[in-house]
Amino acid sequence: MLDMDGDGDLDIYVANYIVFDYDLREPSKFQGKVVYGGPVLYPA
């Protein structure tokens, strides 16, 4: 929260991570193990 325009009340900045879809991609694997794929596999 911040007062972005100096009007005396609190505005809200909301960060967003990835555009997620359950069916967007198959699970990532490393050395035969299912692992979490990094964010670059998804649109920002």
ModelCIF file with pLDDT and N, C-alpha, C, O atoms, coordinates in Angstrom:
data_MODEL
#
_entry.id   MODEL 
#
_entity.id                         1 
_entity.type                       polymer 
_entity.pdbx_number_of_molecules   1 
#
_entity_poly.entity_id                      1 
_entity_poly.type                           'polypeptide(L)' 
_entity_poly.nstd_linkage                   no 
_entity_poly.nstd_monomer                   no 
_entity_poly.pdbx_seq_one_letter_code       MLDMDGDGDLDIYVANYIVFDYDLREPSKFQGKVVYGGPVLYPA 
_entity_poly.pdbx_seq_one_letter_code_can   MLDMDGDGDLDIYVANYIVFDYDLREPSKFQGKVVYGGPVLYPA 
_entity_poly.pdbx_strand_id                 A 
#
loop_
_entity_poly_seq.entity_id 
_entity_poly_seq.num 
_entity_poly_seq.mon_id 
_entity_poly_seq.hetero 
1 1  MET n 
1 2  LEU n 
1 3  ASP n 
1 4  MET n 
1 5  ASP n 
1 6  GLY n 
1 7  ASP n 
1 8  GLY n 
1 9  ASP n 
1 10 LEU n 
1 11 ASP n 
1 12 ILE n 
1 13 TYR n 
1 14 VAL n 
1 15 ALA n 
1 16 ASN n 
1 17 TYR n 
1 18 ILE n 
1 19 VAL n 
1 20 PHE n 
1 21 ASP n 
1 22 TYR n 
1 23 ASP n 
1 24 LEU n 
1 25 ARG n 
1 26 GLU n 
1 27 PRO n 
1 28 SER n 
1 29 LYS n 
1 30 PHE n 
1 31 GLN n 
1 32 GLY n 
1 33 LYS n 
1 34 VAL n 
1 35 VAL n 
1 36 TYR n 
1 37 GLY n 
1 38 GLY n 
1 39 PRO n 
1 40 VAL n 
1 41 LEU n 
1 42 TYR n 
1 43 PRO n 
1 44 ALA n 
#
_struct_asym.id          A 
_struct_asym.entity_id   1 
#
loop_
_ma_qa_metric.id 
_ma_qa_metric.mode 
_ma_qa_metric.name 
_ma_qa_metric.software_group_id 
_ma_qa_metric.type 
1 global pLDDT . pLDDT 
2 local  pLDDT . pLDDT 
#
_ma_qa_metric_global.metric_id      1 
_ma_qa_metric_global.metric_value   91.70 
_ma_qa_metric_global.model_id       1 
_ma_qa_metric_global.ordinal_id     1 
#
loop_
_ma_qa_metric_local.label_asym_id 
_ma_qa_metric_local.label_comp_id 
_ma_qa_metric_local.label_seq_id 
_ma_qa_metric_local.metric_id 
_ma_qa_metric_local.metric_value 
_ma_qa_metric_local.model_id 
_ma_qa_metric_local.ordinal_id 
A MET 1  2 98.00 1 1  
A LEU 2  2 98.00 1 2  
A ASP 3  2 98.00 1 3  
A MET 4  2 98.00 1 4  
A ASP 5  2 97.00 1 5  
A GLY 6  2 96.00 1 6  
A ASP 7  2 96.00 1 7  
A GLY 8  2 96.00 1 8  
A ASP 9  2 97.00 1 9  
A LEU 10 2 97.00 1 10 
A ASP 11 2 97.00 1 11 
A ILE 12 2 97.00 1 12 
A TYR 13 2 98.00 1 13 
A VAL 14 2 97.00 1 14 
A ALA 15 2 98.00 1 15 
A ASN 16 2 98.00 1 16 
A TYR 17 2 98.00 1 17 
A ILE 18 2 97.00 1 18 
A VAL 19 2 96.00 1 19 
A PHE 20 2 94.00 1 20 
A ASP 21 2 89.00 1 21 
A TYR 22 2 88.00 1 22 
A ASP 23 2 83.00 1 23 
A LEU 24 2 74.00 1 24 
A ARG 25 2 70.00 1 25 
A GLU 26 2 73.00 1 26 
A PRO 27 2 78.00 1 27 
A SER 28 2 87.00 1 28 
A LYS 29 2 87.00 1 29 
A PHE 30 2 87.00 1 30 
A GLN 31 2 85.00 1 31 
A GLY 32 2 85.00 1 32 
A LYS 33 2 87.00 1 33 
A VAL 34 2 88.00 1 34 
A VAL 35 2 91.00 1 35 
A TYR 36 2 92.00 1 36 
A GLY 37 2 91.00 1 37 
A GLY 38 2 92.00 1 38 
A PRO 39 2 95.00 1 39 
A VAL 40 2 94.00 1 40 
A LEU 41 2 93.00 1 41 
A TYR 42 2 94.00 1 42 
A PRO 43 2 95.00 1 43 
A ALA 44 2 96.00 1 44 
#
loop_
_atom_site.group_PDB 
_atom_site.id 
_atom_site.type_symbol 
_atom_site.label_atom_id 
_atom_site.label_alt_id 
_atom_site.label_comp_id 
_atom_site.label_asym_id 
_atom_site.label_entity_id 
_atom_site.label_seq_id 
_atom_site.pdbx_PDB_ins_code 
_atom_site.Cartn_x 
_atom_site.Cartn_y 
_atom_site.Cartn_z 
_atom_site.occupancy 
_atom_site.B_iso_or_equiv 
_atom_site.pdbx_formal_charge 
_atom_site.auth_seq_id 
_atom_site.auth_comp_id 
_atom_site.auth_asym_id 
_atom_site.auth_atom_id 
_atom_site.pdbx_PDB_model_num 
ATOM 1   N N  . MET A 1 1  ? 0.847  -1.185  0.000   1.00 98.00 ? 1  MET A N  1 
ATOM 2   C CA . MET A 1 1  ? 0.000  0.000   0.000   1.00 98.00 ? 1  MET A CA 1 
ATOM 3   C C  . MET A 1 1  ? 0.884  1.236   0.000   1.00 98.00 ? 1  MET A C  1 
ATOM 4   O O  . MET A 1 1  ? 1.970  1.237   0.579   1.00 98.00 ? 1  MET A O  1 
ATOM 5   N N  . LEU A 1 2  ? 0.404  2.291   -0.658  1.00 98.00 ? 2  LEU A N  1 
ATOM 6   C CA . LEU A 1 2  ? 1.132  3.547   -0.767  1.00 98.00 ? 2  LEU A CA 1 
ATOM 7   C C  . LEU A 1 2  ? 0.144  4.647   -1.101  1.00 98.00 ? 2  LEU A C  1 
ATOM 8   O O  . LEU A 1 2  ? -0.945 4.375   -1.608  1.00 98.00 ? 2  LEU A O  1 
ATOM 9   N N  . ASP A 1 3  ? 0.511  5.872   -0.825  1.00 98.00 ? 3  ASP A N  1 
ATOM 10  C CA . ASP A 1 3  ? -0.256 7.023   -1.295  1.00 98.00 ? 3  ASP A CA 1 
ATOM 11  C C  . ASP A 1 3  ? 0.433  7.507   -2.562  1.00 98.00 ? 3  ASP A C  1 
ATOM 12  O O  . ASP A 1 3  ? 1.381  8.290   -2.502  1.00 98.00 ? 3  ASP A O  1 
ATOM 13  N N  . MET A 1 4  ? -0.046 7.038   -3.704  1.00 98.00 ? 4  MET A N  1 
ATOM 14  C CA . MET A 1 4  ? 0.671  7.277   -4.955  1.00 98.00 ? 4  MET A CA 1 
ATOM 15  C C  . MET A 1 4  ? 0.533  8.711   -5.451  1.00 98.00 ? 4  MET A C  1 
ATOM 16  O O  . MET A 1 4  ? 1.389  9.200   -6.188  1.00 98.00 ? 4  MET A O  1 
ATOM 17  N N  . ASP A 1 5  ? -0.556 9.395   -5.044  1.00 97.00 ? 5  ASP A N  1 
ATOM 18  C CA . ASP A 1 5  ? -0.834 10.718  -5.612  1.00 97.00 ? 5  ASP A CA 1 
ATOM 19  C C  . ASP A 1 5  ? -0.948 11.810  -4.563  1.00 97.00 ? 5  ASP A C  1 
ATOM 20  O O  . ASP A 1 5  ? -1.360 12.926  -4.879  1.00 97.00 ? 5  ASP A O  1 
ATOM 21  N N  . GLY A 1 6  ? -0.591 11.509  -3.316  1.00 96.00 ? 6  GLY A N  1 
ATOM 22  C CA . GLY A 1 6  ? -0.556 12.523  -2.278  1.00 96.00 ? 6  GLY A CA 1 
ATOM 23  C C  . GLY A 1 6  ? -1.900 13.047  -1.843  1.00 96.00 ? 6  GLY A C  1 
ATOM 24  O O  . GLY A 1 6  ? -1.996 14.171  -1.351  1.00 96.00 ? 6  GLY A O  1 
ATOM 25  N N  . ASP A 1 7  ? -2.964 12.238  -2.018  1.00 96.00 ? 7  ASP A N  1 
ATOM 26  C CA . ASP A 1 7  ? -4.296 12.716  -1.645  1.00 96.00 ? 7  ASP A CA 1 
ATOM 27  C C  . ASP A 1 7  ? -4.703 12.290  -0.245  1.00 96.00 ? 7  ASP A C  1 
ATOM 28  O O  . ASP A 1 7  ? -5.827 12.556  0.180   1.00 96.00 ? 7  ASP A O  1 
ATOM 29  N N  . GLY A 1 8  ? -3.799 11.627  0.482   1.00 96.00 ? 8  GLY A N  1 
ATOM 30  C CA . GLY A 1 8  ? -4.062 11.302  1.875   1.00 96.00 ? 8  GLY A CA 1 
ATOM 31  C C  . GLY A 1 8  ? -4.734 9.976   2.122   1.00 96.00 ? 8  GLY A C  1 
ATOM 32  O O  . GLY A 1 8  ? -5.060 9.670   3.269   1.00 96.00 ? 8  GLY A O  1 
ATOM 33  N N  . ASP A 1 9  ? -4.958 9.163   1.089   1.00 97.00 ? 9  ASP A N  1 
ATOM 34  C CA . ASP A 1 9  ? -5.469 7.811   1.323   1.00 97.00 ? 9  ASP A CA 1 
ATOM 35  C C  . ASP A 1 9  ? -4.577 6.791   0.638   1.00 97.00 ? 9  ASP A C  1 
ATOM 36  O O  . ASP A 1 9  ? -3.741 7.138   -0.196  1.00 97.00 ? 9  ASP A O  1 
ATOM 37  N N  . LEU A 1 10 ? -4.766 5.528   1.001   1.00 97.00 ? 10 LEU A N  1 
ATOM 38  C CA . LEU A 1 10 ? -3.855 4.480   0.576   1.00 97.00 ? 10 LEU A CA 1 
ATOM 39  C C  . LEU A 1 10 ? -4.337 3.786   -0.687  1.00 97.00 ? 10 LEU A C  1 
ATOM 40  O O  . LEU A 1 10 ? -5.459 3.283   -0.749  1.00 97.00 ? 10 LEU A O  1 
ATOM 41  N N  . ASP A 1 11 ? -3.471 3.767   -1.691  1.00 97.00 ? 11 ASP A N  1 
ATOM 42  C CA . ASP A 1 11 ? -3.680 3.017   -2.916  1.00 97.00 ? 11 ASP A CA 1 
ATOM 43  C C  . ASP A 1 11 ? -2.971 1.668   -2.781  1.00 97.00 ? 11 ASP A C  1 
ATOM 44  O O  . ASP A 1 11 ? -2.244 1.448   -1.812  1.00 97.00 ? 11 ASP A O  1 
ATOM 45  N N  . ILE A 1 12 ? -3.174 0.778   -3.730  1.00 97.00 ? 12 ILE A N  1 
ATOM 46  C CA . ILE A 1 12 ? -2.663 -0.591  -3.590  1.00 97.00 ? 12 ILE A CA 1 
ATOM 47  C C  . ILE A 1 12 ? -1.928 -1.011  -4.861  1.00 97.00 ? 12 ILE A C  1 
ATOM 48  O O  . ILE A 1 12 ? -2.481 -0.963  -5.960  1.00 97.00 ? 12 ILE A O  1 
ATOM 49  N N  . TYR A 1 13 ? -0.664 -1.428  -4.690  1.00 98.00 ? 13 TYR A N  1 
ATOM 50  C CA . TYR A 1 13 ? 0.105  -1.995  -5.798  1.00 98.00 ? 13 TYR A CA 1 
ATOM 51  C C  . TYR A 1 13 ? 0.066  -3.514  -5.675  1.00 98.00 ? 13 TYR A C  1 
ATOM 52  O O  . TYR A 1 13 ? 0.384  -4.064  -4.620  1.00 98.00 ? 13 TYR A O  1 
ATOM 53  N N  . VAL A 1 14 ? -0.319 -4.183  -6.743  1.00 97.00 ? 14 VAL A N  1 
ATOM 54  C CA . VAL A 1 14 ? -0.506 -5.633  -6.739  1.00 97.00 ? 14 VAL A CA 1 
ATOM 55  C C  . VAL A 1 14 ? 0.442  -6.254  -7.767  1.00 97.00 ? 14 VAL A C  1 
ATOM 56  O O  . VAL A 1 14 ? 0.261  -6.073  -8.971  1.00 97.00 ? 14 VAL A O  1 
ATOM 57  N N  . ALA A 1 15 ? 1.439  -6.979  -7.294  1.00 98.00 ? 15 ALA A N  1 
ATOM 58  C CA . ALA A 1 15 ? 2.332  -7.688  -8.207  1.00 98.00 ? 15 ALA A CA 1 
ATOM 59  C C  . ALA A 1 15 ? 1.677  -8.989  -8.656  1.00 98.00 ? 15 ALA A C  1 
ATOM 60  O O  . ALA A 1 15 ? 0.999  -9.657  -7.876  1.00 98.00 ? 15 ALA A O  1 
ATOM 61  N N  . ASN A 1 16 ? 1.887  -9.338  -9.912  1.00 98.00 ? 16 ASN A N  1 
ATOM 62  C CA . ASN A 1 16 ? 1.370  -10.588 -10.466 1.00 98.00 ? 16 ASN A CA 1 
ATOM 63  C C  . ASN A 1 16 ? 2.538  -11.432 -10.975 1.00 98.00 ? 16 ASN A C  1 
ATOM 64  O O  . ASN A 1 16 ? 3.557  -10.905 -11.420 1.00 98.00 ? 16 ASN A O  1 
ATOM 65  N N  . TYR A 1 17 ? 2.368  -12.750 -10.900 1.00 98.00 ? 17 TYR A N  1 
ATOM 66  C CA . TYR A 1 17 ? 3.502  -13.656 -11.142 1.00 98.00 ? 17 TYR A CA 1 
ATOM 67  C C  . TYR A 1 17 ? 3.481  -14.232 -12.557 1.00 98.00 ? 17 TYR A C  1 
ATOM 68  O O  . TYR A 1 17 ? 4.274  -13.820 -13.404 1.00 98.00 ? 17 TYR A O  1 
ATOM 69  N N  . ILE A 1 18 ? 2.584  -15.177 -12.817 1.00 97.00 ? 18 ILE A N  1 
ATOM 70  C CA . ILE A 1 18 ? 2.543  -15.851 -14.112 1.00 97.00 ? 18 ILE A CA 1 
ATOM 71  C C  . ILE A 1 18 ? 1.109  -15.940 -14.604 1.00 97.00 ? 18 ILE A C  1 
ATOM 72  O O  . ILE A 1 18 ? 0.166  -15.841 -13.820 1.00 97.00 ? 18 ILE A O  1 
ATOM 73  N N  . VAL A 1 19 ? 0.951  -16.128 -15.915 1.00 96.00 ? 19 VAL A N  1 
ATOM 74  C CA . VAL A 1 19 ? -0.342 -16.490 -16.480 1.00 96.00 ? 19 VAL A CA 1 
ATOM 75  C C  . VAL A 1 19 ? -0.416 -18.009 -16.425 1.00 96.00 ? 19 VAL A C  1 
ATOM 76  O O  . VAL A 1 19 ? 0.218  -18.710 -17.213 1.00 96.00 ? 19 VAL A O  1 
ATOM 77  N N  . PHE A 1 20 ? -1.202 -18.498 -15.478 1.00 94.00 ? 20 PHE A N  1 
ATOM 78  C CA . PHE A 1 20 ? -1.199 -19.938 -15.189 1.00 94.00 ? 20 PHE A CA 1 
ATOM 79  C C  . PHE A 1 20 ? -2.441 -20.614 -15.751 1.00 94.00 ? 20 PHE A C  1 
ATOM 80  O O  . PHE A 1 20 ? -3.547 -20.074 -15.711 1.00 94.00 ? 20 PHE A O  1 
ATOM 81  N N  . ASP A 1 21 ? -2.217 -21.821 -16.279 1.00 89.00 ? 21 ASP A N  1 
ATOM 82  C CA . ASP A 1 21 ? -3.310 -22.659 -16.762 1.00 89.00 ? 21 ASP A CA 1 
ATOM 83  C C  . ASP A 1 21 ? -2.908 -24.096 -16.475 1.00 89.00 ? 21 ASP A C  1 
ATOM 84  O O  . ASP A 1 21 ? -1.797 -24.509 -16.807 1.00 89.00 ? 21 ASP A O  1 
ATOM 85  N N  . TYR A 1 22 ? -3.804 -24.858 -15.862 1.00 88.00 ? 22 TYR A N  1 
ATOM 86  C CA . TYR A 1 22 ? -3.486 -26.248 -15.526 1.00 88.00 ? 22 TYR A CA 1 
ATOM 87  C C  . TYR A 1 22 ? -3.090 -27.054 -16.754 1.00 88.00 ? 22 TYR A C  1 
ATOM 88  O O  . TYR A 1 22 ? -2.268 -27.965 -16.665 1.00 88.00 ? 22 TYR A O  1 
ATOM 89  N N  . ASP A 1 23 ? -3.669 -26.722 -17.886 1.00 83.00 ? 23 ASP A N  1 
ATOM 90  C CA . ASP A 1 23 ? -3.451 -27.511 -19.104 1.00 83.00 ? 23 ASP A CA 1 
ATOM 91  C C  . ASP A 1 23 ? -2.440 -26.881 -20.050 1.00 83.00 ? 23 ASP A C  1 
ATOM 92  O O  . ASP A 1 23 ? -2.297 -27.318 -21.192 1.00 83.00 ? 23 ASP A O  1 
ATOM 93  N N  . LEU A 1 24 ? -1.738 -25.856 -19.579 1.00 74.00 ? 24 LEU A N  1 
ATOM 94  C CA . LEU A 1 24 ? -0.831 -25.133 -20.463 1.00 74.00 ? 24 LEU A CA 1 
ATOM 95  C C  . LEU A 1 24 ? 0.352  -25.979 -20.902 1.00 74.00 ? 24 LEU A C  1 
ATOM 96  O O  . LEU A 1 24 ? 0.826  -25.852 -22.031 1.00 74.00 ? 24 LEU A O  1 
ATOM 97  N N  . ARG A 1 25 ? 0.836  -26.853 -20.001 1.00 70.00 ? 25 ARG A N  1 
ATOM 98  C CA . ARG A 1 25 ? 2.067  -27.585 -20.302 1.00 70.00 ? 25 ARG A CA 1 
ATOM 99  C C  . ARG A 1 25 ? 2.118  -28.855 -19.474 1.00 70.00 ? 25 ARG A C  1 
ATOM 100 O O  . ARG A 1 25 ? 1.443  -28.981 -18.452 1.00 70.00 ? 25 ARG A O  1 
ATOM 101 N N  . GLU A 1 26 ? 2.933  -29.792 -19.937 1.00 73.00 ? 26 GLU A N  1 
ATOM 102 C CA . GLU A 1 26 ? 3.171  -31.019 -19.187 1.00 73.00 ? 26 GLU A CA 1 
ATOM 103 C C  . GLU A 1 26 ? 4.108  -30.727 -18.010 1.00 73.00 ? 26 GLU A C  1 
ATOM 104 O O  . GLU A 1 26 ? 4.857  -29.751 -18.048 1.00 73.00 ? 26 GLU A O  1 
ATOM 105 N N  . PRO A 1 27 ? 4.073  -31.566 -16.963 1.00 78.00 ? 27 PRO A N  1 
ATOM 106 C CA . PRO A 1 27 ? 4.984  -31.357 -15.841 1.00 78.00 ? 27 PRO A CA 1 
ATOM 107 C C  . PRO A 1 27 ? 6.450  -31.397 -16.279 1.00 78.00 ? 27 PRO A C  1 
ATOM 108 O O  . PRO A 1 27 ? 6.822  -32.173 -17.160 1.00 78.00 ? 27 PRO A O  1 
ATOM 109 N N  . SER A 1 28 ? 7.271  -30.557 -15.659 1.00 87.00 ? 28 SER A N  1 
ATOM 110 C CA . SER A 1 28 ? 8.707  -30.546 -15.954 1.00 87.00 ? 28 SER A CA 1 
ATOM 111 C C  . SER A 1 28 ? 9.383  -31.729 -15.286 1.00 87.00 ? 28 SER A C  1 
ATOM 112 O O  . SER A 1 28 ? 8.937  -32.203 -14.241 1.00 87.00 ? 28 SER A O  1 
ATOM 113 N N  . LYS A 1 29 ? 10.457 -32.200 -15.891 1.00 87.00 ? 29 LYS A N  1 
ATOM 114 C CA . LYS A 1 29 ? 11.202 -33.322 -15.320 1.00 87.00 ? 29 LYS A CA 1 
ATOM 115 C C  . LYS A 1 29 ? 12.688 -33.022 -15.333 1.00 87.00 ? 29 LYS A C  1 
ATOM 116 O O  . LYS A 1 29 ? 13.195 -32.338 -16.222 1.00 87.00 ? 29 LYS A O  1 
ATOM 117 N N  . PHE A 1 30 ? 13.383 -33.552 -14.319 1.00 87.00 ? 30 PHE A N  1 
ATOM 118 C CA . PHE A 1 30 ? 14.835 -33.452 -14.252 1.00 87.00 ? 30 PHE A CA 1 
ATOM 119 C C  . PHE A 1 30 ? 15.354 -34.762 -13.685 1.00 87.00 ? 30 PHE A C  1 
ATOM 120 O O  . PHE A 1 30 ? 14.947 -35.180 -12.602 1.00 87.00 ? 30 PHE A O  1 
ATOM 121 N N  . GLN A 1 31 ? 16.260 -35.414 -14.424 1.00 85.00 ? 31 GLN A N  1 
ATOM 122 C CA . GLN A 1 31 ? 16.800 -36.713 -14.041 1.00 85.00 ? 31 GLN A CA 1 
ATOM 123 C C  . GLN A 1 31 ? 15.680 -37.704 -13.737 1.00 85.00 ? 31 GLN A C  1 
ATOM 124 O O  . GLN A 1 31 ? 15.776 -38.507 -12.809 1.00 85.00 ? 31 GLN A O  1 
ATOM 125 N N  . GLY A 1 32 ? 14.627 -37.632 -14.528 1.00 85.00 ? 32 GLY A N  1 
ATOM 126 C CA . GLY A 1 32 ? 13.516 -38.548 -14.387 1.00 85.00 ? 32 GLY A CA 1 
ATOM 127 C C  . GLY A 1 32 ? 12.542 -38.197 -13.291 1.00 85.00 ? 32 GLY A C  1 
ATOM 128 O O  . GLY A 1 32 ? 11.557 -38.912 -13.106 1.00 85.00 ? 32 GLY A O  1 
ATOM 129 N N  . LYS A 1 33 ? 12.771 -37.131 -12.560 1.00 87.00 ? 33 LYS A N  1 
ATOM 130 C CA . LYS A 1 33 ? 11.897 -36.717 -11.471 1.00 87.00 ? 33 LYS A CA 1 
ATOM 131 C C  . LYS A 1 33 ? 11.011 -35.556 -11.926 1.00 87.00 ? 33 LYS A C  1 
ATOM 132 O O  . LYS A 1 33 ? 11.460 -34.665 -12.647 1.00 87.00 ? 33 LYS A O  1 
ATOM 133 N N  . VAL A 1 34 ? 9.759  -35.579 -11.500 1.00 88.00 ? 34 VAL A N  1 
ATOM 134 C CA . VAL A 1 34 ? 8.873  -34.463 -11.771 1.00 88.00 ? 34 VAL A CA 1 
ATOM 135 C C  . VAL A 1 34 ? 9.240  -33.311 -10.838 1.00 88.00 ? 34 VAL A C  1 
ATOM 136 O O  . VAL A 1 34 ? 9.315  -33.493 -9.623  1.00 88.00 ? 34 VAL A O  1 
ATOM 137 N N  . VAL A 1 35 ? 9.472  -32.120 -11.409 1.00 91.00 ? 35 VAL A N  1 
ATOM 138 C CA . VAL A 1 35 ? 9.897  -30.959 -10.628 1.00 91.00 ? 35 VAL A CA 1 
ATOM 139 C C  . VAL A 1 35 ? 9.036  -29.762 -11.009 1.00 91.00 ? 35 VAL A C  1 
ATOM 140 O O  . VAL A 1 35 ? 8.243  -29.815 -11.950 1.00 91.00 ? 35 VAL A O  1 
ATOM 141 N N  . TYR A 1 36 ? 9.211  -28.696 -10.262 1.00 92.00 ? 36 TYR A N  1 
ATOM 142 C CA . TYR A 1 36 ? 8.502  -27.459 -10.574 1.00 92.00 ? 36 TYR A CA 1 
ATOM 143 C C  . TYR A 1 36 ? 9.196  -26.736 -11.724 1.00 92.00 ? 36 TYR A C  1 
ATOM 144 O O  . TYR A 1 36 ? 10.383 -26.424 -11.634 1.00 92.00 ? 36 TYR A O  1 
ATOM 145 N N  . GLY A 1 37 ? 8.474  -26.472 -12.784 1.00 91.00 ? 37 GLY A N  1 
ATOM 146 C CA . GLY A 1 37 ? 9.026  -25.686 -13.875 1.00 91.00 ? 37 GLY A CA 1 
ATOM 147 C C  . GLY A 1 37 ? 9.140  -24.228 -13.489 1.00 91.00 ? 37 GLY A C  1 
ATOM 148 O O  . GLY A 1 37 ? 8.327  -23.721 -12.716 1.00 91.00 ? 37 GLY A O  1 
ATOM 149 N N  . GLY A 1 38 ? 10.146 -23.549 -14.024 1.00 92.00 ? 38 GLY A N  1 
ATOM 150 C CA . GLY A 1 38 ? 10.385 -22.153 -13.686 1.00 92.00 ? 38 GLY A CA 1 
ATOM 151 C C  . GLY A 1 38 ? 9.363  -21.218 -14.315 1.00 92.00 ? 38 GLY A C  1 
ATOM 152 O O  . GLY A 1 38 ? 8.595  -21.637 -15.181 1.00 92.00 ? 38 GLY A O  1 
ATOM 153 N N  . PRO A 1 39 ? 9.343  -19.959 -13.892 1.00 95.00 ? 39 PRO A N  1 
ATOM 154 C CA . PRO A 1 39 ? 8.345  -19.011 -14.396 1.00 95.00 ? 39 PRO A CA 1 
ATOM 155 C C  . PRO A 1 39 ? 8.478  -18.700 -15.874 1.00 95.00 ? 39 PRO A C  1 
ATOM 156 O O  . PRO A 1 39 ? 7.498  -18.325 -16.518 1.00 95.00 ? 39 PRO A O  1 
ATOM 157 N N  . VAL A 1 40 ? 9.686  -18.851 -16.426 1.00 94.00 ? 40 VAL A N  1 
ATOM 158 C CA . VAL A 1 40 ? 9.869  -18.503 -17.837 1.00 94.00 ? 40 VAL A CA 1 
ATOM 159 C C  . VAL A 1 40 ? 9.114  -19.442 -18.768 1.00 94.00 ? 40 VAL A C  1 
ATOM 160 O O  . VAL A 1 40 ? 9.033  -19.187 -19.969 1.00 94.00 ? 40 VAL A O  1 
ATOM 161 N N  . LEU A 1 41 ? 8.563  -20.521 -18.232 1.00 93.00 ? 41 LEU A N  1 
ATOM 162 C CA . LEU A 1 41 ? 7.730  -21.406 -19.040 1.00 93.00 ? 41 LEU A CA 1 
ATOM 163 C C  . LEU A 1 41 ? 6.317  -20.852 -19.235 1.00 93.00 ? 41 LEU A C  1 
ATOM 164 O O  . LEU A 1 41 ? 5.532  -21.396 -20.012 1.00 93.00 ? 41 LEU A O  1 
ATOM 165 N N  . TYR A 1 42 ? 6.001  -19.770 -18.527 1.00 94.00 ? 42 TYR A N  1 
ATOM 166 C CA . TYR A 1 42 ? 4.666  -19.186 -18.571 1.00 94.00 ? 42 TYR A CA 1 
ATOM 167 C C  . TYR A 1 42 ? 4.749  -17.739 -19.049 1.00 94.00 ? 42 TYR A C  1 
ATOM 168 O O  . TYR A 1 42 ? 5.777  -17.086 -18.869 1.00 94.00 ? 42 TYR A O  1 
ATOM 169 N N  . PRO A 1 43 ? 3.678  -17.233 -19.656 1.00 95.00 ? 43 PRO A N  1 
ATOM 170 C CA . PRO A 1 43 ? 3.658  -15.797 -19.977 1.00 95.00 ? 43 PRO A CA 1 
ATOM 171 C C  . PRO A 1 43 ? 3.704  -14.960 -18.704 1.00 95.00 ? 43 PRO A C  1 
ATOM 172 O O  . PRO A 1 43 ? 3.182  -15.365 -17.665 1.00 95.00 ? 43 PRO A O  1 
ATOM 173 N N  . ALA A 1 44 ? 4.328  -13.798 -18.792 1.00 96.00 ? 44 ALA A N  1 
ATOM 174 C CA . ALA A 1 44 ? 4.347  -12.864 -17.668 1.00 96.00 ? 44 ALA A CA 1 
ATOM 175 C C  . ALA A 1 44 ? 3.026  -12.090 -17.638 1.00 96.00 ? 44 ALA A C  1 
ATOM 176 O O  . ALA A 1 44 ? 2.825  -11.245 -16.767 1.00 96.00 ? 44 ALA A O  1 
#
